[in-house]
């Protein structure tokens, strides 16, 4: 259900769905492909990054997109959240 909400037309619904997905942590790994899509949206990027970081190593397919965010001139909060996500995804188990 939350994965469907990540595809909703309203950015507010997508943003809230990303927040909800983050609460499931590693159990939300099925949402990774859609969360990667949300990284291109200004209003959903931080929540999608946070969710990917909480999913952890199972979100490894998102690493290239997250590295791109770190290289862009995004606001500090986006880069900080991207760094958090990257650290949690690439951590050793």
C-alpha atoms as a PDB file:
ATOM      1  CA  UNK A   1       0.000   0.000   0.000  1.00  0.00           C
ATOM      2  CA  UNK A   2       2.788   2.469   0.842  1.00  0.00           C
ATOM      3  CA  UNK A   3       4.596   1.564  -2.370  1.00  0.00           C
ATOM      4  CA  UNK A   4       1.464   2.523  -4.299  1.00  0.00           C
ATOM      5  CA  UNK A   5       1.310   5.798  -2.352  1.00  0.00           C
ATOM      6  CA  UNK A   6       4.914   6.516  -3.401  1.00  0.00           C
ATOM      7  CA  UNK A   7       3.528   6.708  -6.956  1.00  0.00           C
ATOM      8  CA  UNK A   8       0.578   8.973  -6.109  1.00  0.00           C
ATOM      9  CA  UNK A   9       0.004  12.121  -8.158  1.00  0.00           C
ATOM     10  CA  UNK A  10       0.199  14.404  -5.119  1.00  0.00           C
ATOM     11  CA  UNK A  11       3.709  15.093  -3.842  1.00  0.00           C
ATOM     12  CA  UNK A  12       2.354  15.394  -0.299  1.00  0.00           C
ATOM     13  CA  UNK A  13       1.102  11.799  -0.451  1.00  0.00           C
ATOM     14  CA  UNK A  14       4.410  10.581  -1.925  1.00  0.00           C
ATOM     15  CA  UNK A  15       6.350  12.428   0.761  1.00  0.00           C
ATOM     16  CA  UNK A  16       4.196  10.966   3.549  1.00  0.00           C
ATOM     17  CA  UNK A  17       4.538   7.502   2.054  1.00  0.00           C
ATOM     18  CA  UNK A  18       8.340   7.819   2.073  1.00  0.00           C
ATOM     19  CA  UNK A  19       8.160   8.787   5.769  1.00  0.00           C
ATOM     20  CA  UNK A  20       6.032   5.711   6.403  1.00  0.00           C
ATOM     21  CA  UNK A  21       8.372   3.423   4.478  1.00  0.00           C
ATOM     22  CA  UNK A  22      11.296   4.660   6.597  1.00  0.00           C
ATOM     23  CA  UNK A  23       9.595   3.324   9.724  1.00  0.00           C
ATOM     24  CA  UNK A  24       9.775  -0.219   8.366  1.00  0.00           C
ATOM     25  CA  UNK A  25      13.550  -0.096   7.954  1.00  0.00           C
ATOM     26  CA  UNK A  26      15.065  -3.172   6.246  1.00  0.00           C
ATOM     27  CA  UNK A  27      11.614  -4.759   5.907  1.00  0.00           C
ATOM     28  CA  UNK A  28      10.769  -2.109   3.279  1.00  0.00           C
ATOM     29  CA  UNK A  29      13.393  -3.226   0.758  1.00  0.00           C
ATOM     30  CA  UNK A  30      10.704  -3.761  -1.912  1.00  0.00           C
ATOM     31  CA  UNK A  31      10.249   0.017  -2.007  1.00  0.00           C
ATOM     32  CA  UNK A  32      13.851   0.722  -3.078  1.00  0.00           C
ATOM     33  CA  UNK A  33      13.171   1.098  -6.847  1.00  0.00           C
ATOM     34  CA  UNK A  34      10.357   3.594  -6.265  1.00  0.00           C
ATOM     35  CA  UNK A  35      12.348   5.481  -3.635  1.00  0.00           C
ATOM     36  CA  UNK A  36      15.156   5.852  -6.179  1.00  0.00           C
ATOM     37  CA  UNK A  37      12.641   7.479  -8.543  1.00  0.00           C
ATOM     38  CA  UNK A  38      11.643   9.907  -5.779  1.00  0.00           C
ATOM     39  CA  UNK A  39      15.248  11.129  -5.477  1.00  0.00           C
ATOM     40  CA  UNK A  40      14.636  13.303  -8.537  1.00  0.00           C
ATOM     41  CA  UNK A  41      11.794  15.175  -6.830  1.00  0.00           C
ATOM     42  CA  UNK A  42      12.585  18.309  -4.897  1.00  0.00           C
ATOM     43  CA  UNK A  43       9.784  17.827  -2.372  1.00  0.00           C
ATOM     44  CA  UNK A  44      10.386  14.112  -1.745  1.00  0.00           C
ATOM     45  CA  UNK A  45      14.163  13.792  -1.923  1.00  0.00           C
ATOM     46  CA  UNK A  46      14.961  14.104   1.788  1.00  0.00           C
ATOM     47  CA  UNK A  47      12.267  11.668   2.865  1.00  0.00           C
ATOM     48  CA  UNK A  48      13.301   9.177   0.178  1.00  0.00           C
ATOM     49  CA  UNK A  49      16.947   9.471   1.252  1.00  0.00           C
ATOM     50  CA  UNK A  50      16.010   8.904   4.884  1.00  0.00           C
ATOM     51  CA  UNK A  51      13.966   5.835   3.950  1.00  0.00           C
ATOM     52  CA  UNK A  52      16.799   4.395   1.861  1.00  0.00           C
ATOM     53  CA  UNK A  53      19.213   4.966   4.731  1.00  0.00           C
ATOM     54  CA  UNK A  54      16.925   3.173   7.150  1.00  0.00           C
ATOM     55  CA  UNK A  55      16.542   0.249   4.747  1.00  0.00           C
ATOM     56  CA  UNK A  56      20.322  -0.096   4.869  1.00  0.00           C
ATOM     57  CA  UNK A  57      22.438  -2.464   2.733  1.00  0.00           C
ATOM     58  CA  UNK A  58      19.407  -3.745   0.791  1.00  0.00           C
ATOM     59  CA  UNK A  59      19.169  -0.252  -0.736  1.00  0.00           C
ATOM     60  CA  UNK A  60      22.534  -0.649  -2.500  1.00  0.00           C
ATOM     61  CA  UNK A  61      20.991  -0.053  -5.969  1.00  0.00           C
ATOM     62  CA  UNK A  62      20.409   3.555  -4.834  1.00  0.00           C
ATOM     63  CA  UNK A  63      24.111   4.272  -4.218  1.00  0.00           C
ATOM     64  CA  UNK A  64      24.874   5.817  -7.667  1.00  0.00           C
ATOM     65  CA  UNK A  65      21.900   8.190  -7.395  1.00  0.00           C
ATOM     66  CA  UNK A  66      22.837   9.135  -3.833  1.00  0.00           C
ATOM     67  CA  UNK A  67      26.416   9.872  -4.871  1.00  0.00           C
ATOM     68  CA  UNK A  68      25.054  12.163  -7.592  1.00  0.00           C
ATOM     69  CA  UNK A  69      23.090  14.087  -4.967  1.00  0.00           C
ATOM     70  CA  UNK A  70      26.261  14.546  -2.947  1.00  0.00           C
ATOM     71  CA  UNK A  71      28.002  16.044  -6.001  1.00  0.00           C
ATOM     72  CA  UNK A  72      25.192  18.493  -6.821  1.00  0.00           C
ATOM     73  CA  UNK A  73      24.851  21.922  -5.293  1.00  0.00           C
ATOM     74  CA  UNK A  74      21.896  20.908  -3.153  1.00  0.00           C
ATOM     75  CA  UNK A  75      20.984  22.514   0.132  1.00  0.00           C
ATOM     76  CA  UNK A  76      23.054  21.296   3.083  1.00  0.00           C
ATOM     77  CA  UNK A  77      20.115  19.298   4.475  1.00  0.00           C
ATOM     78  CA  UNK A  78      19.852  17.228   1.283  1.00  0.00           C
ATOM     79  CA  UNK A  79      23.583  16.483   1.277  1.00  0.00           C
ATOM     80  CA  UNK A  80      23.574  15.649   4.990  1.00  0.00           C
ATOM     81  CA  UNK A  81      20.653  13.257   4.529  1.00  0.00           C
ATOM     82  CA  UNK A  82      22.359  11.747   1.464  1.00  0.00           C
ATOM     83  CA  UNK A  83      25.511  11.161   3.492  1.00  0.00           C
ATOM     84  CA  UNK A  84      23.468   9.504   6.265  1.00  0.00           C
ATOM     85  CA  UNK A  85      21.833   7.220   3.692  1.00  0.00           C
ATOM     86  CA  UNK A  86      25.125   6.329   2.036  1.00  0.00           C
ATOM     87  CA  UNK A  87      26.779   5.508   5.368  1.00  0.00           C
ATOM     88  CA  UNK A  88      23.916   3.218   6.380  1.00  0.00           C
ATOM     89  CA  UNK A  89      23.693   1.486   3.026  1.00  0.00           C
ATOM     90  CA  UNK A  90      27.415   0.833   2.699  1.00  0.00           C
ATOM     91  CA  UNK A  91      28.066  -0.131   6.306  1.00  0.00           C
ATOM     92  CA  UNK A  92      29.602  -3.512   7.005  1.00  0.00           C
ATOM     93  CA  UNK A  93      27.222  -6.111   8.349  1.00  0.00           C
END
